[in-house]
Amino acid sequence: MKKTLLLAGAASLVALNAHALDLTPYFGADYTHAFTHGSHYEGLAVPSHADAGTLSFGLKMMPYLSFEMFAEYSKHENKTDVRTNYHGYGIDAIGSLPFGCKKQFELLGTVGMSRYYNEVKVKATGDMHEKYDWGYRFGGGIQYNITDRWSARAMYRHIIFNNSRFAYSNFDVLSIGVRYYFK
């Protein structure tokens, strides 16, 4: 009898918590501008900026917490003798604090982990160097909820590499984009 009551109590708690989560999936697209602070690659000056596109899929679990997976791909930099390309993927946990009269704005804080690929090609010699590394992402931003389904977002993130294999140990990312919520 005690086991039956215990199982019934546990089942009701799980059912109550599942209903309280209020899961809302969403899709996002961002323009991203990444920049380093004076990087060099094996004696070569590497361009310090890259423009990228980012696609993300997220799950808003409560009004204050989301998890978001992303994939990011940059275009080639052709301004110097060195051509660079990077792309990455990862996951972020995003905390939000709604504010405003109708709570149309949200302050965002984010922490996550990512894996980046960096490719450097030297035009004069044809040499190519490829490296992968894991990074930790920290950042913040603001989101404006246009409707129940659409929002616009601006974010800043700082990415730190633990034992960097790249020409730099960290870089910064500014992004602006939109989100669509499947409600």
N, C-alpha and C. Protein backbone atom coordinates (compact mmCIF):
# COMPACT_ATOMS: atom_id res chain seq x y z
N MET A 1 0.82 -1.19 0.00
CA MET A 1 0.00 0.00 0.00
C MET A 1 0.87 1.26 0.00
N LYS A 2 1.95 1.24 0.81
CA LYS A 2 2.84 2.40 0.89
C LYS A 2 3.52 2.65 -0.45
N LYS A 3 3.91 1.57 -1.12
CA LYS A 3 4.57 1.71 -2.42
C LYS A 3 3.62 2.30 -3.45
N THR A 4 2.38 1.89 -3.41
CA THR A 4 1.38 2.41 -4.35
C THR A 4 1.16 3.90 -4.13
N LEU A 5 1.05 4.31 -2.87
CA LEU A 5 0.87 5.73 -2.56
C LEU A 5 2.10 6.54 -2.97
N LEU A 6 3.28 5.98 -2.72
CA LEU A 6 4.53 6.65 -3.10
C LEU A 6 4.61 6.83 -4.61
N LEU A 7 4.30 5.78 -5.37
CA LEU A 7 4.32 5.86 -6.84
C LEU A 7 3.26 6.83 -7.36
N ALA A 8 2.08 6.83 -6.78
CA ALA A 8 1.03 7.76 -7.20
C ALA A 8 1.44 9.19 -6.90
N GLY A 9 2.05 9.43 -5.75
CA GLY A 9 2.52 10.77 -5.40
C GLY A 9 3.62 11.24 -6.34
N ALA A 10 4.57 10.36 -6.66
CA ALA A 10 5.65 10.71 -7.59
C ALA A 10 5.11 11.00 -8.98
N ALA A 11 4.15 10.18 -9.44
CA ALA A 11 3.55 10.40 -10.77
C ALA A 11 2.81 11.72 -10.82
N SER A 12 2.11 12.09 -9.77
CA SER A 12 1.39 13.37 -9.78
C SER A 12 2.34 14.55 -9.76
N LEU A 13 3.48 14.43 -9.07
CA LEU A 13 4.48 15.51 -9.08
C LEU A 13 5.09 15.69 -10.46
N VAL A 14 5.41 14.58 -11.12
CA VAL A 14 5.97 14.65 -12.47
C VAL A 14 4.96 15.27 -13.43
N ALA A 15 3.70 14.87 -13.35
CA ALA A 15 2.66 15.42 -14.23
C ALA A 15 2.47 16.90 -13.96
N LEU A 16 2.50 17.32 -12.71
CA LEU A 16 2.35 18.73 -12.36
C LEU A 16 3.52 19.54 -12.89
N ASN A 17 4.74 19.04 -12.75
CA ASN A 17 5.93 19.76 -13.24
C ASN A 17 5.97 19.81 -14.76
N ALA A 18 5.55 18.77 -15.44
CA ALA A 18 5.54 18.78 -16.91
C ALA A 18 4.57 19.84 -17.43
N HIS A 19 3.46 19.99 -16.78
CA HIS A 19 2.49 21.01 -17.19
C HIS A 19 3.02 22.42 -16.91
N ALA A 20 3.79 22.58 -15.83
CA ALA A 20 4.29 23.89 -15.44
C ALA A 20 5.42 24.39 -16.35
N LEU A 21 6.09 23.51 -17.10
CA LEU A 21 7.22 23.93 -17.92
C LEU A 21 6.81 24.84 -19.07
N ASP A 22 5.67 24.60 -19.70
CA ASP A 22 5.19 25.43 -20.80
C ASP A 22 6.26 25.59 -21.88
N LEU A 23 6.61 24.50 -22.54
CA LEU A 23 7.67 24.48 -23.55
C LEU A 23 7.22 25.16 -24.84
N THR A 24 8.06 26.08 -25.35
CA THR A 24 7.80 26.78 -26.61
C THR A 24 9.04 26.70 -27.49
N PRO A 25 8.99 25.93 -28.58
CA PRO A 25 10.13 25.89 -29.50
C PRO A 25 10.19 27.16 -30.35
N TYR A 26 11.40 27.52 -30.79
CA TYR A 26 11.56 28.69 -31.66
C TYR A 26 12.75 28.50 -32.58
N PHE A 27 12.75 29.29 -33.65
CA PHE A 27 13.80 29.28 -34.67
C PHE A 27 14.34 30.70 -34.79
N GLY A 28 15.66 30.84 -34.99
CA GLY A 28 16.25 32.16 -35.10
C GLY A 28 17.25 32.26 -36.24
N ALA A 29 17.43 33.48 -36.74
CA ALA A 29 18.43 33.77 -37.77
C ALA A 29 19.09 35.10 -37.40
N ASP A 30 20.44 35.13 -37.46
CA ASP A 30 21.20 36.31 -37.04
C ASP A 30 22.27 36.66 -38.06
N TYR A 31 22.56 37.95 -38.16
CA TYR A 31 23.79 38.45 -38.79
C TYR A 31 24.78 38.59 -37.64
N THR A 32 25.99 38.08 -37.82
CA THR A 32 27.00 38.06 -36.77
C THR A 32 28.28 38.73 -37.26
N HIS A 33 28.85 39.57 -36.41
CA HIS A 33 30.15 40.19 -36.70
C HIS A 33 31.11 39.77 -35.60
N ALA A 34 32.12 38.98 -35.97
CA ALA A 34 33.11 38.49 -35.00
C ALA A 34 34.40 39.28 -35.18
N PHE A 35 35.07 39.56 -34.06
CA PHE A 35 36.33 40.28 -34.16
C PHE A 35 37.29 39.85 -33.04
N THR A 36 38.58 39.88 -33.40
CA THR A 36 39.65 39.57 -32.46
C THR A 36 40.42 40.86 -32.21
N HIS A 37 41.38 40.78 -31.34
CA HIS A 37 42.17 41.95 -30.99
C HIS A 37 43.61 41.73 -31.43
N GLY A 38 43.92 42.09 -32.68
CA GLY A 38 45.28 42.01 -33.20
C GLY A 38 45.85 40.62 -33.23
N SER A 39 45.31 39.75 -34.07
CA SER A 39 45.77 38.36 -34.09
C SER A 39 46.86 38.15 -35.14
N HIS A 40 47.67 37.15 -34.88
CA HIS A 40 48.72 36.71 -35.82
C HIS A 40 48.63 35.20 -35.94
N TYR A 41 49.02 34.69 -37.06
CA TYR A 41 48.97 33.26 -37.29
C TYR A 41 50.31 32.82 -37.85
N GLU A 42 51.12 32.20 -37.03
CA GLU A 42 52.44 31.72 -37.42
C GLU A 42 53.22 32.80 -38.18
N GLY A 43 53.27 34.00 -37.59
CA GLY A 43 54.02 35.10 -38.17
C GLY A 43 53.28 35.92 -39.20
N LEU A 44 52.05 35.54 -39.54
CA LEU A 44 51.28 36.27 -40.54
C LEU A 44 50.19 37.10 -39.87
N ALA A 45 49.93 38.28 -40.39
CA ALA A 45 48.83 39.10 -39.87
C ALA A 45 47.51 38.52 -40.38
N VAL A 46 46.63 38.15 -39.49
CA VAL A 46 45.33 37.57 -39.83
C VAL A 46 44.27 38.67 -39.73
N PRO A 47 43.36 38.76 -40.69
CA PRO A 47 42.29 39.76 -40.58
C PRO A 47 41.57 39.62 -39.24
N SER A 48 41.26 40.74 -38.63
CA SER A 48 40.72 40.70 -37.28
C SER A 48 39.20 40.71 -37.23
N HIS A 49 38.50 40.71 -38.37
CA HIS A 49 37.04 40.65 -38.36
C HIS A 49 36.54 39.62 -39.36
N ALA A 50 35.33 39.14 -39.07
CA ALA A 50 34.66 38.23 -39.99
C ALA A 50 33.15 38.43 -39.84
N ASP A 51 32.44 38.40 -40.95
CA ASP A 51 30.99 38.46 -40.93
C ASP A 51 30.45 37.05 -41.12
N ALA A 52 29.41 36.72 -40.37
CA ALA A 52 28.88 35.37 -40.41
C ALA A 52 27.37 35.39 -40.33
N GLY A 53 26.79 34.27 -40.71
CA GLY A 53 25.36 34.04 -40.54
C GLY A 53 25.18 32.95 -39.50
N THR A 54 24.16 33.09 -38.68
CA THR A 54 23.90 32.13 -37.62
C THR A 54 22.45 31.68 -37.68
N LEU A 55 22.24 30.37 -37.63
CA LEU A 55 20.91 29.80 -37.50
C LEU A 55 20.83 29.12 -36.15
N SER A 56 19.68 29.25 -35.49
CA SER A 56 19.54 28.65 -34.17
C SER A 56 18.15 28.04 -34.00
N PHE A 57 18.11 27.05 -33.15
CA PHE A 57 16.85 26.42 -32.75
C PHE A 57 16.85 26.38 -31.24
N GLY A 58 15.78 26.90 -30.64
CA GLY A 58 15.73 26.98 -29.19
C GLY A 58 14.46 26.42 -28.61
N LEU A 59 14.47 26.31 -27.29
CA LEU A 59 13.33 25.83 -26.54
C LEU A 59 13.19 26.70 -25.31
N LYS A 60 12.13 27.51 -25.29
CA LYS A 60 11.86 28.35 -24.13
C LYS A 60 11.11 27.48 -23.13
N MET A 61 11.70 27.28 -21.95
CA MET A 61 11.14 26.34 -21.00
C MET A 61 10.23 27.02 -19.98
N MET A 62 10.51 28.23 -19.66
CA MET A 62 9.74 29.02 -18.71
C MET A 62 9.88 30.47 -19.16
N PRO A 63 9.20 31.39 -18.53
CA PRO A 63 9.37 32.77 -18.96
C PRO A 63 10.81 33.28 -18.80
N TYR A 64 11.62 32.61 -17.99
CA TYR A 64 12.95 33.14 -17.68
C TYR A 64 14.11 32.27 -18.15
N LEU A 65 13.87 31.15 -18.82
CA LEU A 65 14.94 30.24 -19.19
C LEU A 65 14.71 29.63 -20.56
N SER A 66 15.76 29.64 -21.40
CA SER A 66 15.73 29.01 -22.72
C SER A 66 17.04 28.27 -22.94
N PHE A 67 17.00 27.27 -23.80
CA PHE A 67 18.20 26.60 -24.29
C PHE A 67 18.19 26.72 -25.80
N GLU A 68 19.35 27.07 -26.38
CA GLU A 68 19.42 27.36 -27.81
C GLU A 68 20.64 26.69 -28.42
N MET A 69 20.42 25.90 -29.48
CA MET A 69 21.50 25.32 -30.27
C MET A 69 21.73 26.21 -31.47
N PHE A 70 22.98 26.37 -31.88
CA PHE A 70 23.27 27.26 -33.00
C PHE A 70 24.33 26.66 -33.92
N ALA A 71 24.32 27.14 -35.16
CA ALA A 71 25.37 26.85 -36.14
C ALA A 71 25.70 28.17 -36.81
N GLU A 72 27.00 28.44 -36.95
CA GLU A 72 27.47 29.75 -37.43
C GLU A 72 28.49 29.51 -38.54
N TYR A 73 28.41 30.29 -39.61
CA TYR A 73 29.35 30.15 -40.72
C TYR A 73 29.74 31.53 -41.23
N SER A 74 31.04 31.75 -41.38
CA SER A 74 31.54 33.05 -41.83
C SER A 74 31.84 33.03 -43.32
N LYS A 75 31.90 34.23 -43.88
CA LYS A 75 32.36 34.38 -45.26
C LYS A 75 33.88 34.52 -45.24
N HIS A 76 34.48 34.41 -46.38
CA HIS A 76 35.93 34.56 -46.48
C HIS A 76 36.33 36.02 -46.42
N GLU A 77 37.46 36.29 -45.76
CA GLU A 77 38.04 37.63 -45.74
C GLU A 77 39.08 37.68 -46.85
N ASN A 78 38.95 38.61 -47.76
CA ASN A 78 39.88 38.71 -48.88
C ASN A 78 40.64 40.03 -48.90
N LYS A 79 40.76 40.71 -47.78
CA LYS A 79 41.35 42.04 -47.76
C LYS A 79 42.88 42.03 -47.64
N THR A 80 43.46 40.90 -47.33
CA THR A 80 44.91 40.81 -47.18
C THR A 80 45.42 39.60 -47.96
N ASP A 81 46.68 39.29 -47.79
CA ASP A 81 47.25 38.10 -48.42
C ASP A 81 46.82 36.83 -47.71
N VAL A 82 46.18 36.98 -46.55
CA VAL A 82 45.72 35.83 -45.79
C VAL A 82 44.20 35.79 -45.85
N ARG A 83 43.66 34.63 -46.17
CA ARG A 83 42.21 34.46 -46.27
C ARG A 83 41.75 33.55 -45.12
N THR A 84 40.76 34.00 -44.36
CA THR A 84 40.31 33.22 -43.21
C THR A 84 38.85 32.83 -43.36
N ASN A 85 38.49 31.80 -42.65
CA ASN A 85 37.13 31.30 -42.64
C ASN A 85 36.93 30.63 -41.28
N TYR A 86 35.78 30.83 -40.69
CA TYR A 86 35.50 30.09 -39.47
C TYR A 86 34.04 29.67 -39.45
N HIS A 87 33.78 28.60 -38.76
CA HIS A 87 32.40 28.22 -38.46
C HIS A 87 32.39 27.48 -37.13
N GLY A 88 31.21 27.43 -36.54
CA GLY A 88 31.09 26.80 -35.24
C GLY A 88 29.68 26.34 -34.97
N TYR A 89 29.55 25.58 -33.91
CA TYR A 89 28.25 25.13 -33.44
C TYR A 89 28.33 24.97 -31.94
N GLY A 90 27.18 24.97 -31.29
CA GLY A 90 27.18 24.82 -29.84
C GLY A 90 25.80 24.99 -29.24
N ILE A 91 25.80 25.17 -27.92
CA ILE A 91 24.56 25.33 -27.18
C ILE A 91 24.74 26.41 -26.12
N ASP A 92 23.69 27.19 -25.90
CA ASP A 92 23.68 28.26 -24.90
C ASP A 92 22.48 28.08 -23.98
N ALA A 93 22.66 28.42 -22.72
CA ALA A 93 21.55 28.60 -21.79
C ALA A 93 21.32 30.10 -21.70
N ILE A 94 20.08 30.53 -21.85
CA ILE A 94 19.75 31.96 -21.89
C ILE A 94 18.75 32.28 -20.79
N GLY A 95 19.15 33.17 -19.91
CA GLY A 95 18.24 33.67 -18.89
C GLY A 95 17.66 34.99 -19.35
N SER A 96 16.38 35.22 -19.07
CA SER A 96 15.75 36.47 -19.52
C SER A 96 14.98 37.11 -18.37
N LEU A 97 14.97 38.43 -18.41
CA LEU A 97 14.25 39.23 -17.42
C LEU A 97 13.32 40.18 -18.16
N PRO A 98 12.02 39.85 -18.24
CA PRO A 98 11.07 40.73 -18.95
C PRO A 98 10.89 42.06 -18.22
N PHE A 99 10.71 43.14 -19.00
CA PHE A 99 10.41 44.44 -18.41
C PHE A 99 9.62 45.28 -19.41
N GLY A 100 9.14 46.41 -18.96
CA GLY A 100 8.31 47.27 -19.78
C GLY A 100 6.85 47.13 -19.39
N CYS A 101 6.03 48.03 -19.87
CA CYS A 101 4.60 48.03 -19.52
C CYS A 101 3.91 46.71 -19.86
N LYS A 102 4.16 46.22 -21.08
CA LYS A 102 3.54 44.97 -21.51
C LYS A 102 4.57 43.83 -21.56
N LYS A 103 5.70 44.04 -20.90
CA LYS A 103 6.80 43.07 -20.89
C LYS A 103 7.24 42.73 -22.31
N GLN A 104 7.30 43.75 -23.17
CA GLN A 104 7.73 43.54 -24.54
C GLN A 104 9.24 43.44 -24.66
N PHE A 105 9.97 43.94 -23.67
CA PHE A 105 11.43 43.88 -23.69
C PHE A 105 11.91 42.80 -22.73
N GLU A 106 13.08 42.22 -23.06
CA GLU A 106 13.71 41.25 -22.17
C GLU A 106 15.21 41.53 -22.14
N LEU A 107 15.78 41.61 -20.94
CA LEU A 107 17.23 41.62 -20.78
C LEU A 107 17.68 40.17 -20.81
N LEU A 108 18.74 39.88 -21.55
CA LEU A 108 19.21 38.52 -21.72
C LEU A 108 20.61 38.34 -21.17
N GLY A 109 20.86 37.22 -20.55
CA GLY A 109 22.19 36.80 -20.14
C GLY A 109 22.40 35.38 -20.65
N THR A 110 23.58 35.09 -21.15
CA THR A 110 23.81 33.79 -21.77
C THR A 110 25.16 33.19 -21.36
N VAL A 111 25.17 31.88 -21.25
CA VAL A 111 26.39 31.12 -21.01
C VAL A 111 26.28 29.84 -21.84
N GLY A 112 27.39 29.44 -22.45
CA GLY A 112 27.31 28.26 -23.30
C GLY A 112 28.67 27.70 -23.66
N MET A 113 28.63 26.69 -24.51
CA MET A 113 29.84 26.02 -24.97
C MET A 113 29.73 25.83 -26.48
N SER A 114 30.86 25.95 -27.16
CA SER A 114 30.86 25.86 -28.62
C SER A 114 32.14 25.21 -29.13
N ARG A 115 32.05 24.71 -30.34
CA ARG A 115 33.23 24.16 -31.03
C ARG A 115 33.41 24.96 -32.31
N TYR A 116 34.61 25.52 -32.49
CA TYR A 116 34.90 26.35 -33.65
C TYR A 116 35.96 25.72 -34.53
N TYR A 117 35.82 25.96 -35.82
CA TYR A 117 36.78 25.53 -36.84
C TYR A 117 37.32 26.80 -37.47
N ASN A 118 38.62 26.90 -37.57
CA ASN A 118 39.27 28.06 -38.17
C ASN A 118 40.18 27.58 -39.29
N GLU A 119 40.06 28.24 -40.45
CA GLU A 119 40.87 27.90 -41.61
C GLU A 119 41.60 29.16 -42.06
N VAL A 120 42.90 29.04 -42.28
CA VAL A 120 43.71 30.16 -42.75
C VAL A 120 44.43 29.72 -44.03
N LYS A 121 44.26 30.49 -45.11
CA LYS A 121 44.94 30.21 -46.38
C LYS A 121 45.82 31.39 -46.72
N VAL A 122 47.06 31.11 -47.09
CA VAL A 122 47.99 32.15 -47.54
C VAL A 122 47.96 32.15 -49.06
N LYS A 123 47.51 33.26 -49.66
CA LYS A 123 47.32 33.34 -51.10
C LYS A 123 48.63 33.17 -51.87
N ALA A 124 49.69 33.80 -51.38
CA ALA A 124 50.96 33.80 -52.12
C ALA A 124 51.56 32.40 -52.22
N THR A 125 51.50 31.62 -51.14
CA THR A 125 52.14 30.30 -51.13
C THR A 125 51.16 29.16 -51.31
N GLY A 126 49.88 29.41 -51.09
CA GLY A 126 48.89 28.34 -51.19
C GLY A 126 48.80 27.48 -49.94
N ASP A 127 49.57 27.84 -48.90
CA ASP A 127 49.51 27.07 -47.65
C ASP A 127 48.15 27.21 -46.99
N MET A 128 47.68 26.12 -46.37
CA MET A 128 46.42 26.16 -45.65
C MET A 128 46.59 25.51 -44.28
N HIS A 129 46.07 26.17 -43.26
CA HIS A 129 46.13 25.66 -41.89
C HIS A 129 44.72 25.57 -41.36
N GLU A 130 44.37 24.41 -40.76
CA GLU A 130 43.04 24.20 -40.20
C GLU A 130 43.17 23.81 -38.74
N LYS A 131 42.31 24.38 -37.90
CA LYS A 131 42.34 24.06 -36.49
C LYS A 131 40.92 24.06 -35.92
N TYR A 132 40.68 23.17 -34.96
CA TYR A 132 39.42 23.09 -34.23
C TYR A 132 39.70 23.36 -32.76
N ASP A 133 38.73 23.94 -32.06
CA ASP A 133 38.88 24.13 -30.63
C ASP A 133 37.52 24.37 -29.97
N TRP A 134 37.43 23.99 -28.69
CA TRP A 134 36.22 24.23 -27.89
C TRP A 134 36.34 25.57 -27.21
N GLY A 135 35.24 26.29 -27.12
CA GLY A 135 35.23 27.59 -26.46
C GLY A 135 34.05 27.72 -25.51
N TYR A 136 34.21 28.61 -24.55
CA TYR A 136 33.15 28.94 -23.60
C TYR A 136 32.60 30.30 -23.99
N ARG A 137 31.28 30.44 -24.03
CA ARG A 137 30.61 31.66 -24.48
C ARG A 137 29.88 32.31 -23.31
N PHE A 138 30.09 33.61 -23.14
CA PHE A 138 29.41 34.41 -22.12
C PHE A 138 28.90 35.68 -22.78
N GLY A 139 27.71 36.13 -22.42
CA GLY A 139 27.23 37.34 -23.06
C GLY A 139 25.95 37.88 -22.49
N GLY A 140 25.47 38.93 -23.15
CA GLY A 140 24.24 39.58 -22.75
C GLY A 140 23.64 40.33 -23.92
N GLY A 141 22.39 40.73 -23.73
CA GLY A 141 21.74 41.47 -24.80
C GLY A 141 20.35 41.88 -24.42
N ILE A 142 19.59 42.28 -25.44
CA ILE A 142 18.22 42.73 -25.25
C ILE A 142 17.37 42.15 -26.37
N GLN A 143 16.13 41.85 -26.05
CA GLN A 143 15.18 41.32 -27.02
C GLN A 143 13.89 42.13 -26.96
N TYR A 144 13.35 42.43 -28.12
CA TYR A 144 12.07 43.13 -28.22
C TYR A 144 11.05 42.17 -28.81
N ASN A 145 9.99 41.88 -28.09
CA ASN A 145 8.94 40.98 -28.55
C ASN A 145 7.92 41.78 -29.36
N ILE A 146 8.00 41.66 -30.67
CA ILE A 146 7.14 42.41 -31.59
C ILE A 146 5.70 41.93 -31.48
N THR A 147 5.51 40.61 -31.55
CA THR A 147 4.21 39.97 -31.35
C THR A 147 4.43 38.76 -30.46
N ASP A 148 3.40 37.93 -30.31
CA ASP A 148 3.56 36.70 -29.54
C ASP A 148 4.50 35.71 -30.25
N ARG A 149 4.60 35.83 -31.55
CA ARG A 149 5.40 34.89 -32.33
C ARG A 149 6.75 35.44 -32.81
N TRP A 150 6.88 36.74 -32.97
CA TRP A 150 8.10 37.34 -33.54
C TRP A 150 8.81 38.21 -32.51
N SER A 151 10.15 38.15 -32.53
CA SER A 151 10.95 39.04 -31.69
C SER A 151 12.23 39.41 -32.42
N ALA A 152 12.80 40.54 -32.04
CA ALA A 152 14.09 41.00 -32.57
C ALA A 152 15.07 41.00 -31.42
N ARG A 153 16.33 40.62 -31.70
CA ARG A 153 17.32 40.45 -30.64
C ARG A 153 18.66 41.04 -31.05
N ALA A 154 19.34 41.66 -30.09
CA ALA A 154 20.72 42.12 -30.26
C ALA A 154 21.53 41.53 -29.10
N MET A 155 22.68 40.93 -29.42
CA MET A 155 23.49 40.25 -28.40
C MET A 155 24.98 40.57 -28.57
N TYR A 156 25.69 40.53 -27.46
CA TYR A 156 27.15 40.57 -27.44
C TYR A 156 27.60 39.31 -26.71
N ARG A 157 28.61 38.63 -27.27
CA ARG A 157 29.17 37.44 -26.62
C ARG A 157 30.69 37.51 -26.66
N HIS A 158 31.30 36.97 -25.62
CA HIS A 158 32.75 36.85 -25.54
C HIS A 158 33.05 35.35 -25.50
N ILE A 159 33.90 34.88 -26.40
CA ILE A 159 34.25 33.46 -26.48
C ILE A 159 35.69 33.30 -26.01
N ILE A 160 35.89 32.39 -25.07
CA ILE A 160 37.22 32.12 -24.50
C ILE A 160 37.59 30.69 -24.83
N PHE A 161 38.81 30.50 -25.33
CA PHE A 161 39.33 29.17 -25.59
C PHE A 161 40.28 28.79 -24.47
N ASN A 162 40.13 27.59 -23.95
CA ASN A 162 40.92 27.14 -22.80
C ASN A 162 42.40 27.00 -23.17
N ASN A 163 42.71 26.11 -24.07
CA ASN A 163 44.08 25.91 -24.57
C ASN A 163 44.02 26.15 -26.07
N SER A 164 43.98 27.40 -26.44
CA SER A 164 43.69 27.75 -27.83
C SER A 164 44.72 27.19 -28.81
N ARG A 165 44.18 26.59 -29.86
CA ARG A 165 45.00 26.14 -30.99
C ARG A 165 44.99 27.20 -32.08
N PHE A 166 44.21 28.26 -31.86
CA PHE A 166 44.09 29.32 -32.85
C PHE A 166 45.17 30.37 -32.63
N ALA A 167 45.15 31.37 -33.51
CA ALA A 167 46.10 32.47 -33.40
C ALA A 167 45.71 33.42 -32.28
N TYR A 168 44.56 33.21 -31.68
CA TYR A 168 44.05 34.08 -30.62
C TYR A 168 43.45 33.20 -29.53
N SER A 169 43.38 33.71 -28.30
CA SER A 169 42.83 32.93 -27.20
C SER A 169 41.38 33.28 -26.91
N ASN A 170 40.86 34.34 -27.55
CA ASN A 170 39.46 34.71 -27.37
C ASN A 170 39.04 35.60 -28.53
N PHE A 171 37.74 35.75 -28.69
CA PHE A 171 37.21 36.73 -29.63
C PHE A 171 35.82 37.15 -29.19
N ASP A 172 35.31 38.22 -29.80
CA ASP A 172 34.03 38.79 -29.44
C ASP A 172 33.08 38.69 -30.64
N VAL A 173 31.79 38.59 -30.33
CA VAL A 173 30.77 38.46 -31.37
C VAL A 173 29.63 39.42 -31.06
N LEU A 174 29.25 40.21 -32.05
CA LEU A 174 28.05 41.03 -31.98
C LEU A 174 27.06 40.44 -32.97
N SER A 175 25.81 40.28 -32.56
CA SER A 175 24.81 39.72 -33.48
C SER A 175 23.49 40.45 -33.35
N ILE A 176 22.76 40.47 -34.45
CA ILE A 176 21.43 41.04 -34.48
C ILE A 176 20.58 40.12 -35.34
N GLY A 177 19.36 39.83 -34.87
CA GLY A 177 18.53 38.90 -35.62
C GLY A 177 17.10 38.85 -35.15
N VAL A 178 16.39 37.85 -35.66
CA VAL A 178 14.98 37.67 -35.34
C VAL A 178 14.74 36.25 -34.83
N ARG A 179 13.64 36.09 -34.10
CA ARG A 179 13.21 34.79 -33.59
C ARG A 179 11.73 34.60 -33.95
N TYR A 180 11.36 33.35 -34.30
CA TYR A 180 9.98 32.99 -34.54
C TYR A 180 9.59 31.89 -33.57
N TYR A 181 8.56 32.12 -32.78
CA TYR A 181 8.09 31.16 -31.75
C TYR A 181 6.91 30.35 -32.29
N PHE A 182 6.98 29.03 -32.15
CA PHE A 182 5.91 28.14 -32.58
C PHE A 182 4.93 27.97 -31.42
N LYS A 183 3.89 28.78 -31.40
CA LYS A 183 2.92 28.73 -30.30
C LYS A 183 1.62 28.12 -30.76
